[in-house]
Amino acid sequence: LGRAAPVADVRREGSLHDPFGDITVVGEDGTEVTIGVRPFR
């Protein structure tokens, strides 16, 4: 996740109720890092 710091945006991919969904963190330089919602939490 450190590659996306400092952060410009955070997106949840898919349903709020999907425990296996993904989180995408977008850095100010445009770098996007996608990680599972559970390990992110």
PDB file of all heavy atoms in Angstrom:
ATOM      1  N   LEU A   1       0.812  -1.214   0.000  1.00  0.00           N
ATOM      2  CA  LEU A   1       0.000   0.000   0.000  1.00  0.00           C
ATOM      3  C   LEU A   1       0.848   1.267   0.000  1.00  0.00           C
ATOM      4  O   LEU A   1       0.414   2.313  -0.497  1.00  0.00           O
ATOM      5  CB  LEU A   1      -0.922   0.008   1.228  1.00  0.00           C
ATOM      6  CG  LEU A   1      -2.097  -0.980   1.201  1.00  0.00           C
ATOM      7  CD1 LEU A   1      -2.771  -1.036   2.568  1.00  0.00           C
ATOM      8  CD2 LEU A   1      -3.104  -0.575   0.127  1.00  0.00           C
ATOM      9  N   GLY A   2       2.050   1.181   0.532  1.00  0.00           N
ATOM     10  CA  GLY A   2       2.910   2.358   0.626  1.00  0.00           C
ATOM     11  C   GLY A   2       3.206   3.002  -0.706  1.00  0.00           C
ATOM     12  O   GLY A   2       3.532   4.205  -0.764  1.00  0.00           O
ATOM     13  N   ARG A   3       3.085   2.248  -1.806  1.00  0.00           N
ATOM     14  CA  ARG A   3       3.353   2.809  -3.138  1.00  0.00           C
ATOM     15  C   ARG A   3       2.307   3.847  -3.530  1.00  0.00           C
ATOM     16  O   ARG A   3       2.543   4.642  -4.449  1.00  0.00           O
ATOM     17  CB  ARG A   3       3.393   1.693  -4.180  1.00  0.00           C
ATOM     18  CG  ARG A   3       4.562   0.733  -3.971  1.00  0.00           C
ATOM     19  CD  ARG A   3       4.736  -0.255  -5.097  1.00  0.00           C
ATOM     20  NE  ARG A   3       3.718  -1.289  -5.112  1.00  0.00           N
ATOM     21  CZ  ARG A   3       2.768  -1.401  -6.021  1.00  0.00           C
ATOM     22  NH1 ARG A   3       2.680  -0.506  -7.004  1.00  0.00           N
ATOM     23  NH2 ARG A   3       1.892  -2.386  -5.967  1.00  0.00           N
ATOM     24  N   ALA A   4       1.154   3.842  -2.830  1.00  0.00           N
ATOM     25  CA  ALA A   4       0.083   4.790  -3.168  1.00  0.00           C
ATOM     26  C   ALA A   4       0.035   5.969  -2.196  1.00  0.00           C
ATOM     27  O   ALA A   4      -0.953   6.712  -2.182  1.00  0.00           O
ATOM     28  CB  ALA A   4      -1.259   4.067  -3.174  1.00  0.00           C
ATOM     29  N   ALA A   5       1.058   6.150  -1.406  1.00  0.00           N
ATOM     30  CA  ALA A   5       1.092   7.289  -0.481  1.00  0.00           C
ATOM     31  C   ALA A   5       1.977   8.399  -1.062  1.00  0.00           C
ATOM     32  O   ALA A   5       3.027   8.118  -1.654  1.00  0.00           O
ATOM     33  CB  ALA A   5       1.632   6.851   0.874  1.00  0.00           C
ATOM     34  N   PRO A   6       1.564   9.661  -0.903  1.00  0.00           N
ATOM     35  CA  PRO A   6       0.310  10.141  -0.296  1.00  0.00           C
ATOM     36  C   PRO A   6      -0.900   9.788  -1.151  1.00  0.00           C
ATOM     37  O   PRO A   6      -0.805   9.631  -2.369  1.00  0.00           O
ATOM     38  CB  PRO A   6       0.522  11.642  -0.203  1.00  0.00           C
ATOM     39  CG  PRO A   6       1.531  11.959  -1.241  1.00  0.00           C
ATOM     40  CD  PRO A   6       2.437  10.780  -1.352  1.00  0.00           C
ATOM     41  N   VAL A   7      -2.063   9.688  -0.494  1.00  0.00           N
ATOM     42  CA  VAL A   7      -3.266   9.138  -1.101  1.00  0.00           C
ATOM     43  C   VAL A   7      -4.129  10.238  -1.701  1.00  0.00           C
ATOM     44  O   VAL A   7      -4.358  11.285  -1.074  1.00  0.00           O
ATOM     45  CB  VAL A   7      -4.071   8.350  -0.041  1.00  0.00           C
ATOM     46  CG1 VAL A   7      -5.399   7.870  -0.613  1.00  0.00           C
ATOM     47  CG2 VAL A   7      -3.254   7.181   0.479  1.00  0.00           C
ATOM     48  N   ALA A   8      -4.634   9.973  -2.902  1.00  0.00           N
ATOM     49  CA  ALA A   8      -5.576  10.893  -3.546  1.00  0.00           C
ATOM     50  C   ALA A   8      -7.017  10.408  -3.413  1.00  0.00           C
ATOM     51  O   ALA A   8      -7.938  11.215  -3.274  1.00  0.00           O
ATOM     52  CB  ALA A   8      -5.229  11.054  -5.025  1.00  0.00           C
ATOM     53  N   ASP A   9      -7.209   9.064  -3.445  1.00  0.00           N
ATOM     54  CA  ASP A   9      -8.580   8.538  -3.400  1.00  0.00           C
ATOM     55  C   ASP A   9      -8.542   7.091  -2.915  1.00  0.00           C
ATOM     56  O   ASP A   9      -7.506   6.407  -2.997  1.00  0.00           O
ATOM     57  CB  ASP A   9      -9.211   8.605  -4.792  1.00  0.00           C
ATOM     58  CG  ASP A   9     -10.724   8.406  -4.755  1.00  0.00           C
ATOM     59  OD1 ASP A   9     -11.305   8.503  -3.646  1.00  0.00           O
ATOM     60  OD2 ASP A   9     -11.318   8.135  -5.817  1.00  0.00           O
ATOM     61  N   VAL A  10      -9.699   6.626  -2.427  1.00  0.00           N
ATOM     62  CA  VAL A  10      -9.883   5.233  -2.024  1.00  0.00           C
ATOM     63  C   VAL A  10     -11.222   4.769  -2.580  1.00  0.00           C
ATOM     64  O   VAL A  10     -12.243   5.437  -2.382  1.00  0.00           O
ATOM     65  CB  VAL A  10      -9.864   5.067  -0.493  1.00  0.00           C
ATOM     66  CG1 VAL A  10     -10.043   3.598  -0.110  1.00  0.00           C
ATOM     67  CG2 VAL A  10      -8.579   5.613   0.110  1.00  0.00           C
ATOM     68  N   ARG A  11     -11.213   3.639  -3.294  1.00  0.00           N
ATOM     69  CA  ARG A  11     -12.452   3.113  -3.890  1.00  0.00           C
ATOM     70  C   ARG A  11     -12.709   1.701  -3.378  1.00  0.00           C
ATOM     71  O   ARG A  11     -11.783   0.892  -3.289  1.00  0.00           O
ATOM     72  CB  ARG A  11     -12.357   3.066  -5.412  1.00  0.00           C
ATOM     73  CG  ARG A  11     -12.140   4.375  -6.106  1.00  0.00           C
ATOM     74  CD  ARG A  11     -12.423   4.214  -7.600  1.00  0.00           C
ATOM     75  NE  ARG A  11     -11.681   3.108  -8.196  1.00  0.00           N
ATOM     76  CZ  ARG A  11     -10.488   3.240  -8.799  1.00  0.00           C
ATOM     77  NH1 ARG A  11      -9.903   4.436  -8.859  1.00  0.00           N
ATOM     78  NH2 ARG A  11      -9.885   2.195  -9.326  1.00  0.00           N
ATOM     79  N   ARG A  12     -13.978   1.432  -3.110  1.00  0.00           N
ATOM     80  CA  ARG A  12     -14.371   0.052  -2.825  1.00  0.00           C
ATOM     81  C   ARG A  12     -14.876  -0.551  -4.114  1.00  0.00           C
ATOM     82  O   ARG A  12     -15.775   0.003  -4.775  1.00  0.00           O
ATOM     83  CB  ARG A  12     -15.448  -0.011  -1.752  1.00  0.00           C
ATOM     84  CG  ARG A  12     -15.822  -1.463  -1.447  1.00  0.00           C
ATOM     85  CD  ARG A  12     -16.776  -1.632  -0.297  1.00  0.00           C
ATOM     86  NE  ARG A  12     -16.905  -3.053  -0.001  1.00  0.00           N
ATOM     87  CZ  ARG A  12     -16.665  -3.617   1.162  1.00  0.00           C
ATOM     88  NH1 ARG A  12     -16.262  -2.869   2.181  1.00  0.00           N
ATOM     89  NH2 ARG A  12     -16.809  -4.916   1.338  1.00  0.00           N
ATOM     90  N   GLU A  13     -14.322  -1.685  -4.494  1.00  0.00           N
ATOM     91  CA  GLU A  13     -14.723  -2.364  -5.728  1.00  0.00           C
ATOM     92  C   GLU A  13     -15.792  -3.400  -5.387  1.00  0.00           C
ATOM     93  O   GLU A  13     -15.546  -4.329  -4.624  1.00  0.00           O
ATOM     94  CB  GLU A  13     -13.511  -3.064  -6.370  1.00  0.00           C
ATOM     95  CG  GLU A  13     -12.264  -2.197  -6.497  1.00  0.00           C
ATOM     96  CD  GLU A  13     -12.409  -1.080  -7.520  1.00  0.00           C
ATOM     97  OE1 GLU A  13     -13.439  -1.045  -8.232  1.00  0.00           O
ATOM     98  OE2 GLU A  13     -11.496  -0.249  -7.614  1.00  0.00           O
ATOM     99  N   GLY A  14     -16.982  -3.254  -5.904  1.00  0.00           N
ATOM    100  CA  GLY A  14     -18.048  -4.213  -5.652  1.00  0.00           C
ATOM    101  C   GLY A  14     -18.928  -3.820  -4.490  1.00  0.00           C
ATOM    102  O   GLY A  14     -18.897  -2.695  -3.988  1.00  0.00           O
ATOM    103  N   SER A  15     -19.735  -4.783  -4.037  1.00  0.00           N
ATOM    104  CA  SER A  15     -20.771  -4.532  -3.041  1.00  0.00           C
ATOM    105  C   SER A  15     -20.186  -4.302  -1.650  1.00  0.00           C
ATOM    106  O   SER A  15     -19.176  -4.908  -1.263  1.00  0.00           O
ATOM    107  CB  SER A  15     -21.735  -5.728  -2.988  1.00  0.00           C
ATOM    108  OG  SER A  15     -22.585  -5.648  -1.869  1.00  0.00           O
ATOM    109  N   LEU A  16     -20.866  -3.470  -0.920  1.00  0.00           N
ATOM    110  CA  LEU A  16     -20.543  -3.258   0.487  1.00  0.00           C
ATOM    111  C   LEU A  16     -20.587  -4.565   1.266  1.00  0.00           C
ATOM    112  O   LEU A  16     -19.841  -4.744   2.244  1.00  0.00           O
ATOM    113  CB  LEU A  16     -21.559  -2.267   1.073  1.00  0.00           C
ATOM    114  CG  LEU A  16     -21.634  -2.113   2.590  1.00  0.00           C
ATOM    115  CD1 LEU A  16     -20.439  -1.323   3.092  1.00  0.00           C
ATOM    116  CD2 LEU A  16     -22.933  -1.421   2.994  1.00  0.00           C
ATOM    117  N   HIS A  17     -21.438  -5.493   0.859  1.00  0.00           N
ATOM    118  CA  HIS A  17     -21.649  -6.730   1.606  1.00  0.00           C
ATOM    119  C   HIS A  17     -20.723  -7.857   1.167  1.00  0.00           C
ATOM    120  O   HIS A  17     -20.811  -8.960   1.713  1.00  0.00           O
ATOM    121  CB  HIS A  17     -23.102  -7.190   1.456  1.00  0.00           C
ATOM    122  CG  HIS A  17     -24.092  -6.226   2.032  1.00  0.00           C
ATOM    123  ND1 HIS A  17     -24.290  -6.079   3.389  1.00  0.00           N
ATOM    124  CD2 HIS A  17     -24.930  -5.340   1.427  1.00  0.00           C
ATOM    125  CE1 HIS A  17     -25.216  -5.159   3.605  1.00  0.00           C
ATOM    126  NE2 HIS A  17     -25.621  -4.694   2.431  1.00  0.00           N
ATOM    127  N   ASP A  18     -19.845  -7.617   0.218  1.00  0.00           N
ATOM    128  CA  ASP A  18     -18.962  -8.676  -0.282  1.00  0.00           C
ATOM    129  C   ASP A  18     -17.705  -8.748   0.589  1.00  0.00           C
ATOM    130  O   ASP A  18     -16.845  -7.877   0.533  1.00  0.00           O
ATOM    131  CB  ASP A  18     -18.569  -8.398  -1.727  1.00  0.00           C
ATOM    132  CG  ASP A  18     -17.733  -9.526  -2.326  1.00  0.00           C
ATOM    133  OD1 ASP A  18     -17.450 -10.512  -1.599  1.00  0.00           O
ATOM    134  OD2 ASP A  18     -17.366  -9.426  -3.508  1.00  0.00           O
ATOM    135  N   PRO A  19     -17.568  -9.800   1.437  1.00  0.00           N
ATOM    136  CA  PRO A  19     -16.402  -9.881   2.314  1.00  0.00           C
ATOM    137  C   PRO A  19     -15.111 -10.166   1.559  1.00  0.00           C
ATOM    138  O   PRO A  19     -14.024 -10.054   2.135  1.00  0.00           O
ATOM    139  CB  PRO A  19     -16.756 -11.034   3.256  1.00  0.00           C
ATOM    140  CG  PRO A  19     -17.697 -11.895   2.472  1.00  0.00           C
ATOM    141  CD  PRO A  19     -18.480 -10.957   1.608  1.00  0.00           C
ATOM    142  N   PHE A  20     -15.221 -10.529   0.277  1.00  0.00           N
ATOM    143  CA  PHE A  20     -14.026 -10.809  -0.520  1.00  0.00           C
ATOM    144  C   PHE A  20     -13.820  -9.763  -1.605  1.00  0.00           C
ATOM    145  O   PHE A  20     -13.110  -9.991  -2.589  1.00  0.00           O
ATOM    146  CB  PHE A  20     -14.126 -12.212  -1.134  1.00  0.00           C
ATOM    147  CG  PHE A  20     -14.179 -13.306  -0.101  1.00  0.00           C
ATOM    148  CD1 PHE A  20     -15.382 -13.877   0.251  1.00  0.00           C
ATOM    149  CD2 PHE A  20     -13.027 -13.714   0.557  1.00  0.00           C
ATOM    150  CE1 PHE A  20     -15.443 -14.862   1.220  1.00  0.00           C
ATOM    151  CE2 PHE A  20     -13.082 -14.701   1.533  1.00  0.00           C
ATOM    152  CZ  PHE A  20     -14.297 -15.283   1.863  1.00  0.00           C
ATOM    153  N   GLY A  21     -14.479  -8.599  -1.413  1.00  0.00           N
ATOM    154  CA  GLY A  21     -14.286  -7.512  -2.351  1.00  0.00           C
ATOM    155  C   GLY A  21     -12.891  -6.911  -2.231  1.00  0.00           C
ATOM    156  O   GLY A  21     -12.061  -7.331  -1.426  1.00  0.00           O
ATOM    157  N   ASP A  22     -12.630  -5.912  -3.045  1.00  0.00           N
ATOM    158  CA  ASP A  22     -11.315  -5.277  -3.080  1.00  0.00           C
ATOM    159  C   ASP A  22     -11.422  -3.801  -2.722  1.00  0.00           C
ATOM    160  O   ASP A  22     -12.478  -3.171  -2.854  1.00  0.00           O
ATOM    161  CB  ASP A  22     -10.689  -5.393  -4.473  1.00  0.00           C
ATOM    162  CG  ASP A  22     -10.258  -6.814  -4.794  1.00  0.00           C
ATOM    163  OD1 ASP A  22      -9.875  -7.536  -3.850  1.00  0.00           O
ATOM    164  OD2 ASP A  22     -10.329  -7.200  -5.979  1.00  0.00           O
ATOM    165  N   ILE A  23     -10.298  -3.252  -2.278  1.00  0.00           N
ATOM    166  CA  ILE A  23     -10.133  -1.829  -2.052  1.00  0.00           C
ATOM    167  C   ILE A  23      -9.009  -1.341  -2.961  1.00  0.00           C
ATOM    168  O   ILE A  23      -7.929  -1.941  -2.994  1.00  0.00           O
ATOM    169  CB  ILE A  23      -9.775  -1.533  -0.576  1.00  0.00           C
ATOM    170  CG1 ILE A  23     -10.934  -1.895   0.341  1.00  0.00           C
ATOM    171  CG2 ILE A  23      -9.375  -0.072  -0.399  1.00  0.00           C
ATOM    172  CD1 ILE A  23     -12.135  -0.990   0.236  1.00  0.00           C
ATOM    173  N   THR A  24      -9.265  -0.284  -3.695  1.00  0.00           N
ATOM    174  CA  THR A  24      -8.228   0.326  -4.531  1.00  0.00           C
ATOM    175  C   THR A  24      -7.837   1.674  -3.935  1.00  0.00           C
ATOM    176  O   THR A  24      -8.692   2.534  -3.706  1.00  0.00           O
ATOM    177  CB  THR A  24      -8.709   0.525  -5.974  1.00  0.00           C
ATOM    178  OG1 THR A  24      -8.989  -0.761  -6.555  1.00  0.00           O
ATOM    179  CG2 THR A  24      -7.648   1.226  -6.810  1.00  0.00           C
ATOM    180  N   VAL A  25      -6.546   1.803  -3.643  1.00  0.00           N
ATOM    181  CA  VAL A  25      -6.005   3.053  -3.123  1.00  0.00           C
ATOM    182  C   VAL A  25      -5.252   3.734  -4.254  1.00  0.00           C
ATOM    183  O   VAL A  25      -4.369   3.132  -4.882  1.00  0.00           O
ATOM    184  CB  VAL A  25      -5.069   2.805  -1.922  1.00  0.00           C
ATOM    185  CG1 VAL A  25      -4.541   4.128  -1.370  1.00  0.00           C
ATOM    186  CG2 VAL A  25      -5.795   2.016  -0.842  1.00  0.00           C
ATOM    187  N   VAL A  26      -5.620   4.979  -4.527  1.00  0.00           N
ATOM    188  CA  VAL A  26      -5.022   5.740  -5.630  1.00  0.00           C
ATOM    189  C   VAL A  26      -4.094   6.802  -5.039  1.00  0.00           C
ATOM    190  O   VAL A  26      -4.506   7.614  -4.198  1.00  0.00           O
ATOM    191  CB  VAL A  26      -6.107   6.405  -6.487  1.00  0.00           C
ATOM    192  CG1 VAL A  26      -5.464   7.150  -7.663  1.00  0.00           C
ATOM    193  CG2 VAL A  26      -7.118   5.366  -6.984  1.00  0.00           C
ATOM    194  N   GLY A  27      -2.836   6.793  -5.485  1.00  0.00           N
ATOM    195  CA  GLY A  27      -1.885   7.777  -5.013  1.00  0.00           C
ATOM    196  C   GLY A  27      -1.999   9.095  -5.775  1.00  0.00           C
ATOM    197  O   GLY A  27      -2.583   9.163  -6.867  1.00  0.00           O
ATOM    198  N   GLU A  28      -1.427  10.143  -5.203  1.00  0.00           N
ATOM    199  CA  GLU A  28      -1.460  11.458  -5.853  1.00  0.00           C
ATOM    200  C   GLU A  28      -0.709  11.448  -7.177  1.00  0.00           C
ATOM    201  O   GLU A  28      -0.973  12.280  -8.062  1.00  0.00           O
ATOM    202  CB  GLU A  28      -0.881  12.511  -4.914  1.00  0.00           C
ATOM    203  CG  GLU A  28      -1.767  12.806  -3.716  1.00  0.00           C
ATOM    204  CD  GLU A  28      -1.206  13.897  -2.824  1.00  0.00           C
ATOM    205  OE1 GLU A  28      -0.055  14.327  -3.078  1.00  0.00           O
ATOM    206  OE2 GLU A  28      -1.900  14.313  -1.867  1.00  0.00           O
ATOM    207  N   ASP A  29       0.220  10.500  -7.363  1.00  0.00           N
ATOM    208  CA  ASP A  29       0.948  10.407  -8.621  1.00  0.00           C
ATOM    209  C   ASP A  29       0.251   9.488  -9.622  1.00  0.00           C
ATOM    210  O   ASP A  29       0.787   9.190 -10.693  1.00  0.00           O
ATOM    211  CB  ASP A  29       2.378   9.927  -8.378  1.00  0.00           C
ATOM    212  CG  ASP A  29       2.427   8.529  -7.769  1.00  0.00           C
ATOM    213  OD1 ASP A  29       1.351   7.938  -7.516  1.00  0.00           O
ATOM    214  OD2 ASP A  29       3.542   8.012  -7.548  1.00  0.00           O
ATOM    215  N   GLY A  30      -0.957   9.034  -9.269  1.00  0.00           N
ATOM    216  CA  GLY A  30      -1.722   8.179 -10.165  1.00  0.00           C
ATOM    217  C   GLY A  30      -1.526   6.694  -9.936  1.00  0.00           C
ATOM    218  O   GLY A  30      -2.220   5.877 -10.553  1.00  0.00           O
ATOM    219  N   THR A  31      -0.603   6.305  -9.041  1.00  0.00           N
ATOM    220  CA  THR A  31      -0.388   4.880  -8.751  1.00  0.00           C
ATOM    221  C   THR A  31      -1.636   4.287  -8.107  1.00  0.00           C
ATOM    222  O   THR A  31      -2.223   4.871  -7.193  1.00  0.00           O
ATOM    223  CB  THR A  31       0.805   4.699  -7.789  1.00  0.00           C
ATOM    224  OG1 THR A  31       1.972   5.228  -8.402  1.00  0.00           O
ATOM    225  CG2 THR A  31       1.021   3.232  -7.451  1.00  0.00           C
ATOM    226  N   GLU A  32      -2.045   3.113  -8.585  1.00  0.00           N
ATOM    227  CA  GLU A  32      -3.194   2.418  -8.011  1.00  0.00           C
ATOM    228  C   GLU A  32      -2.748   1.075  -7.422  1.00  0.00           C
ATOM    229  O   GLU A  32      -2.058   0.302  -8.080  1.00  0.00           O
ATOM    230  CB  GLU A  32      -4.276   2.179  -9.066  1.00  0.00           C
ATOM    231  CG  GLU A  32      -4.916   3.457  -9.574  1.00  0.00           C
ATOM    232  CD  GLU A  32      -6.172   3.190 -10.406  1.00  0.00           C
ATOM    233  OE1 GLU A  32      -6.542   1.993 -10.541  1.00  0.00           O
ATOM    234  OE2 GLU A  32      -6.781   4.158 -10.886  1.00  0.00           O
ATOM    235  N   VAL A  33      -3.138   0.841  -6.196  1.00  0.00           N
ATOM    236  CA  VAL A  33      -2.842  -0.422  -5.514  1.00  0.00           C
ATOM    237  C   VAL A  33      -4.160  -1.036  -5.081  1.00  0.00           C
ATOM    238  O   VAL A  33      -4.951  -0.389  -4.389  1.00  0.00           O
ATOM    239  CB  VAL A  33      -1.933  -0.207  -4.287  1.00  0.00           C
ATOM    240  CG1 VAL A  33      -1.721  -1.533  -3.555  1.00  0.00           C
ATOM    241  CG2 VAL A  33      -0.600   0.395  -4.698  1.00  0.00           C
ATOM    242  N   THR A  34      -4.404  -2.267  -5.512  1.00  0.00           N
ATOM    243  CA  THR A  34      -5.636  -2.962  -5.161  1.00  0.00           C
ATOM    244  C   THR A  34      -5.322  -4.112  -4.223  1.00  0.00           C
ATOM    245  O   THR A  34      -4.394  -4.896  -4.456  1.00  0.00           O
ATOM    246  CB  THR A  34      -6.341  -3.501  -6.413  1.00  0.00           C
ATOM    247  OG1 THR A  34      -6.668  -2.401  -7.277  1.00  0.00           O
ATOM    248  CG2 THR A  34      -7.625  -4.232  -6.049  1.00  0.00           C
ATOM    249  N   ILE A  35      -6.107  -4.206  -3.144  1.00  0.00           N
ATOM    250  CA  ILE A  35      -5.886  -5.216  -2.114  1.00  0.00           C
ATOM    251  C   ILE A  35      -7.245  -5.685  -1.608  1.00  0.00           C
ATOM    252  O   ILE A  35      -8.231  -4.945  -1.675  1.00  0.00           O
ATOM    253  CB  ILE A  35      -5.029  -4.616  -0.961  1.00  0.00           C
ATOM    254  CG1 ILE A  35      -4.685  -5.681   0.086  1.00  0.00           C
ATOM    255  CG2 ILE A  35      -5.732  -3.447  -0.299  1.00  0.00           C
ATOM    256  CD1 ILE A  35      -3.732  -5.186   1.173  1.00  0.00           C
ATOM    257  N   GLY A  36      -7.306  -6.908  -1.118  1.00  0.00           N
ATOM    258  CA  GLY A  36      -8.557  -7.434  -0.586  1.00  0.00           C
ATOM    259  C   GLY A  36      -9.036  -6.604   0.597  1.00  0.00           C
ATOM    260  O   GLY A  36      -8.249  -6.089   1.390  1.00  0.00           O
ATOM    261  N   VAL A  37     -10.372  -6.503   0.739  1.00  0.00           N
ATOM    262  CA  VAL A  37     -10.924  -5.659   1.787  1.00  0.00           C
ATOM    263  C   VAL A  37     -10.555  -6.170   3.175  1.00  0.00           C
ATOM    264  O   VAL A  37     -10.321  -5.390   4.106  1.00  0.00           O
ATOM    265  CB  VAL A  37     -12.456  -5.526   1.628  1.00  0.00           C
ATOM    266  CG1 VAL A  37     -13.158  -6.855   1.834  1.00  0.00           C
ATOM    267  CG2 VAL A  37     -13.008  -4.472   2.580  1.00  0.00           C
ATOM    268  N   ARG A  38     -10.456  -7.492   3.345  1.00  0.00           N
ATOM    269  CA  ARG A  38     -10.097  -8.034   4.650  1.00  0.00           C
ATOM    270  C   ARG A  38      -8.671  -7.685   5.046  1.00  0.00           C
ATOM    271  O   ARG A  38      -8.444  -7.162   6.150  1.00  0.00           O
ATOM    272  CB  ARG A  38     -10.321  -9.546   4.680  1.00  0.00           C
ATOM    273  CG  ARG A  38     -11.784  -9.943   4.870  1.00  0.00           C
ATOM    274  CD  ARG A  38     -11.915 -11.447   4.993  1.00  0.00           C
ATOM    275  NE  ARG A  38     -13.245 -11.843   5.418  1.00  0.00           N
ATOM    276  CZ  ARG A  38     -13.633 -13.103   5.576  1.00  0.00           C
ATOM    277  NH1 ARG A  38     -12.779 -14.091   5.345  1.00  0.00           N
ATOM    278  NH2 ARG A  38     -14.867 -13.383   5.963  1.00  0.00           N
ATOM    279  N   PRO A  39      -7.654  -7.987   4.208  1.00  0.00           N
ATOM    280  CA  PRO A  39      -6.299  -7.588   4.601  1.00  0.00           C
ATOM    281  C   PRO A  39      -6.143  -6.077   4.735  1.00  0.00           C
ATOM    282  O   PRO A  39      -5.364  -5.605   5.562  1.00  0.00           O
ATOM    283  CB  PRO A  39      -5.401  -8.164   3.502  1.00  0.00           C
ATOM    284  CG  PRO A  39      -6.311  -8.500   2.372  1.00  0.00           C
ATOM    285  CD  PRO A  39      -7.629  -8.805   2.970  1.00  0.00           C
ATOM    286  N   PHE A  40      -6.900  -5.307   3.941  1.00  0.00           N
ATOM    287  CA  PHE A  40      -6.850  -3.847   4.072  1.00  0.00           C
ATOM    288  C   PHE A  40      -7.350  -3.433   5.457  1.00  0.00           C
ATOM    289  O   PHE A  40      -6.722  -2.622   6.141  1.00  0.00           O
ATOM    290  CB  PHE A  40      -7.704  -3.200   2.979  1.00  0.00           C
ATOM    291  CG  PHE A  40      -7.812  -1.705   3.104  1.00  0.00           C
ATOM    292  CD1 PHE A  40      -6.826  -0.876   2.588  1.00  0.00           C
ATOM    293  CD2 PHE A  40      -8.895  -1.117   3.753  1.00  0.00           C
ATOM    294  CE1 PHE A  40      -6.921   0.504   2.720  1.00  0.00           C
ATOM    295  CE2 PHE A  40      -9.004   0.254   3.885  1.00  0.00           C
ATOM    296  CZ  PHE A  40      -8.007   1.061   3.365  1.00  0.00           C
ATOM    297  N   ARG A  41      -8.493  -3.990   5.866  1.00  0.00           N
ATOM    298  CA  ARG A  41      -9.057  -3.648   7.179  1.00  0.00           C
ATOM    299  C   ARG A  41      -8.096  -4.038   8.300  1.00  0.00           C
ATOM    300  O   ARG A  41      -7.875  -3.262   9.250  1.00  0.00           O
ATOM    301  CB  ARG A  41     -10.391  -4.359   7.379  1.00  0.00           C
ATOM    302  CG  ARG A  41     -11.019  -4.116   8.748  1.00  0.00           C
ATOM    303  CD  ARG A  41     -12.323  -4.859   8.910  1.00  0.00           C
ATOM    304  NE  ARG A  41     -12.153  -6.278   9.087  1.00  0.00           N
ATOM    305  CZ  ARG A  41     -11.970  -6.879  10.267  1.00  0.00           C
ATOM    306  NH1 ARG A  41     -11.905  -6.148  11.367  1.00  0.00           N
ATOM    307  NH2 ARG A  41     -11.851  -8.177  10.345  1.00  0.00           N
TER     308      ARG A  41
END
